[in-house]
């Protein structure tokens, strides 16, 4: 389950990614970031939809 702390970290990471690379990360890169932060947790389809929503919200 995604926590508020993880979702804020993902948002910050997406913004930092855009500053450094001048483009948005892919959904797969966002999923990898969250899996790395959560370590042994298996993301559900609902978690992945939330990650995609955060990416869309943070995208320009």
N, C-alpha and C. Protein backbone atom coordinates (compact mmCIF):
# COMPACT_ATOMS: atom_id res chain seq x y z
N UNK A 1 0.84 -1.18 0.00
CA UNK A 1 0.00 0.00 0.00
C UNK A 1 0.88 1.25 0.00
N UNK A 2 0.50 2.17 -0.82
CA UNK A 2 1.26 3.42 -0.91
C UNK A 2 0.90 4.33 0.27
N UNK A 3 1.91 4.84 0.91
CA UNK A 3 1.70 5.77 2.02
C UNK A 3 1.82 7.20 1.49
N UNK A 4 1.40 8.12 2.31
CA UNK A 4 1.53 9.53 1.95
C UNK A 4 3.00 9.89 1.75
N UNK A 5 3.84 9.35 2.61
CA UNK A 5 5.28 9.62 2.53
C UNK A 5 5.84 9.16 1.18
N UNK A 6 5.44 7.98 0.73
CA UNK A 6 5.91 7.44 -0.56
C UNK A 6 5.37 8.28 -1.72
N UNK A 7 4.11 8.67 -1.66
CA UNK A 7 3.54 9.44 -2.77
C UNK A 7 4.19 10.82 -2.87
N UNK A 8 4.49 11.44 -1.73
CA UNK A 8 5.21 12.72 -1.76
C UNK A 8 6.62 12.54 -2.30
N UNK A 9 7.27 11.46 -1.89
CA UNK A 9 8.63 11.18 -2.39
C UNK A 9 8.61 10.98 -3.91
N UNK A 10 7.60 10.27 -4.40
CA UNK A 10 7.47 10.06 -5.84
C UNK A 10 7.26 11.39 -6.56
N UNK A 11 6.41 12.24 -6.04
CA UNK A 11 6.17 13.55 -6.65
C UNK A 11 7.45 14.36 -6.72
N UNK A 12 8.19 14.39 -5.63
CA UNK A 12 9.47 15.11 -5.60
C UNK A 12 10.45 14.53 -6.61
N UNK A 13 10.51 13.20 -6.66
CA UNK A 13 11.42 12.51 -7.57
C UNK A 13 11.07 12.84 -9.02
N UNK A 14 9.79 12.86 -9.36
CA UNK A 14 9.36 13.19 -10.73
C UNK A 14 9.79 14.61 -11.08
N UNK A 15 9.57 15.56 -10.16
CA UNK A 15 9.98 16.95 -10.43
C UNK A 15 11.49 17.07 -10.60
N UNK A 16 12.24 16.37 -9.76
CA UNK A 16 13.70 16.39 -9.88
C UNK A 16 14.15 15.76 -11.20
N UNK A 17 13.51 14.67 -11.59
CA UNK A 17 13.82 13.99 -12.86
C UNK A 17 13.64 14.97 -14.02
N UNK A 18 12.50 15.70 -14.01
CA UNK A 18 12.23 16.65 -15.08
C UNK A 18 13.25 17.77 -15.12
N UNK A 19 13.68 18.25 -13.97
CA UNK A 19 14.69 19.31 -13.93
C UNK A 19 16.01 18.85 -14.53
N UNK A 20 16.39 17.62 -14.23
CA UNK A 20 17.68 17.09 -14.69
C UNK A 20 17.67 16.66 -16.15
N UNK A 21 16.56 16.08 -16.57
CA UNK A 21 16.53 15.47 -17.91
C UNK A 21 15.64 16.19 -18.91
N UNK A 22 14.91 17.18 -18.44
CA UNK A 22 14.04 17.97 -19.31
C UNK A 22 12.98 17.13 -20.01
N UNK A 23 12.55 16.06 -19.36
CA UNK A 23 11.45 15.24 -19.85
C UNK A 23 10.89 14.47 -18.66
N UNK A 24 9.71 13.91 -18.85
CA UNK A 24 9.08 13.14 -17.78
C UNK A 24 9.61 11.71 -17.75
N UNK A 25 9.67 11.10 -16.56
CA UNK A 25 10.03 9.69 -16.50
C UNK A 25 8.88 8.84 -17.04
N UNK A 26 9.16 7.64 -17.42
CA UNK A 26 8.11 6.73 -17.88
C UNK A 26 7.37 6.16 -16.67
N UNK A 27 6.23 5.58 -16.91
CA UNK A 27 5.48 4.94 -15.83
C UNK A 27 6.30 3.80 -15.23
N UNK A 28 7.03 3.07 -16.06
CA UNK A 28 7.87 1.97 -15.56
C UNK A 28 8.97 2.48 -14.64
N UNK A 29 9.55 3.61 -14.96
CA UNK A 29 10.59 4.19 -14.11
C UNK A 29 9.99 4.64 -12.77
N UNK A 30 8.78 5.16 -12.81
CA UNK A 30 8.10 5.55 -11.57
C UNK A 30 7.79 4.33 -10.71
N UNK A 31 7.32 3.27 -11.34
CA UNK A 31 7.03 2.02 -10.61
C UNK A 31 8.31 1.48 -9.99
N UNK A 32 9.40 1.51 -10.73
CA UNK A 32 10.68 1.03 -10.20
C UNK A 32 11.12 1.86 -9.00
N UNK A 33 10.92 3.16 -9.05
CA UNK A 33 11.26 4.03 -7.92
C UNK A 33 10.46 3.63 -6.68
N UNK A 34 9.16 3.44 -6.85
CA UNK A 34 8.31 3.09 -5.71
C UNK A 34 8.68 1.71 -5.17
N UNK A 35 8.92 0.76 -6.05
CA UNK A 35 9.32 -0.59 -5.60
C UNK A 35 10.64 -0.51 -4.83
N UNK A 36 11.54 0.33 -5.28
CA UNK A 36 12.82 0.50 -4.58
C UNK A 36 12.59 1.08 -3.19
N UNK A 37 11.69 2.07 -3.09
CA UNK A 37 11.41 2.70 -1.80
C UNK A 37 10.71 1.72 -0.84
N UNK A 38 9.87 0.86 -1.38
CA UNK A 38 9.08 -0.05 -0.54
C UNK A 38 9.78 -1.38 -0.29
N UNK A 39 10.85 -1.65 -0.99
CA UNK A 39 11.65 -2.86 -0.87
C UNK A 39 10.87 -4.13 -1.21
N UNK A 40 10.34 -4.86 -0.24
CA UNK A 40 9.76 -6.18 -0.50
C UNK A 40 8.26 -6.17 -0.80
N UNK A 41 7.66 -5.02 -0.95
CA UNK A 41 6.22 -4.93 -1.17
C UNK A 41 5.89 -5.12 -2.65
N UNK A 42 4.91 -5.95 -2.95
CA UNK A 42 4.46 -6.18 -4.33
C UNK A 42 3.33 -5.19 -4.62
N UNK A 43 3.53 -4.35 -5.63
CA UNK A 43 2.53 -3.34 -5.98
C UNK A 43 1.29 -3.98 -6.60
N UNK A 44 0.14 -3.51 -6.18
CA UNK A 44 -1.13 -3.98 -6.75
C UNK A 44 -1.45 -3.14 -8.00
N UNK A 45 -2.47 -3.55 -8.73
CA UNK A 45 -2.91 -2.78 -9.90
C UNK A 45 -3.41 -1.40 -9.45
N UNK A 46 -4.04 -1.35 -8.31
CA UNK A 46 -4.52 -0.08 -7.77
C UNK A 46 -3.35 0.85 -7.46
N UNK A 47 -2.29 0.30 -6.87
CA UNK A 47 -1.09 1.09 -6.59
C UNK A 47 -0.51 1.66 -7.88
N UNK A 48 -0.47 0.85 -8.91
CA UNK A 48 0.09 1.29 -10.19
C UNK A 48 -0.75 2.40 -10.82
N UNK A 49 -2.07 2.32 -10.64
CA UNK A 49 -2.94 3.39 -11.15
C UNK A 49 -2.70 4.69 -10.39
N UNK A 50 -2.47 4.58 -9.10
CA UNK A 50 -2.17 5.77 -8.30
C UNK A 50 -0.85 6.39 -8.75
N UNK A 51 0.15 5.55 -8.99
CA UNK A 51 1.45 6.03 -9.48
C UNK A 51 1.27 6.73 -10.82
N UNK A 52 0.48 6.15 -11.69
CA UNK A 52 0.22 6.77 -13.00
C UNK A 52 -0.49 8.11 -12.83
N UNK A 53 -1.42 8.20 -11.90
CA UNK A 53 -2.12 9.46 -11.65
C UNK A 53 -1.16 10.53 -11.14
N UNK A 54 -0.25 10.15 -10.26
CA UNK A 54 0.74 11.10 -9.75
C UNK A 54 1.63 11.59 -10.89
N UNK A 55 2.05 10.67 -11.75
CA UNK A 55 2.87 11.05 -12.90
C UNK A 55 2.12 12.03 -13.80
N UNK A 56 0.86 11.75 -14.08
CA UNK A 56 0.07 12.65 -14.93
C UNK A 56 -0.10 14.01 -14.28
N UNK A 57 -0.33 14.02 -12.98
CA UNK A 57 -0.50 15.29 -12.26
C UNK A 57 0.78 16.12 -12.27
N UNK A 58 1.92 15.46 -12.11
CA UNK A 58 3.19 16.16 -12.03
C UNK A 58 3.79 16.49 -13.40
N UNK A 59 3.22 15.94 -14.45
CA UNK A 59 3.74 16.16 -15.81
C UNK A 59 3.34 17.53 -16.31
N UNK A 60 4.18 18.04 -17.18
CA UNK A 60 3.88 19.34 -17.80
C UNK A 60 3.27 19.15 -19.16
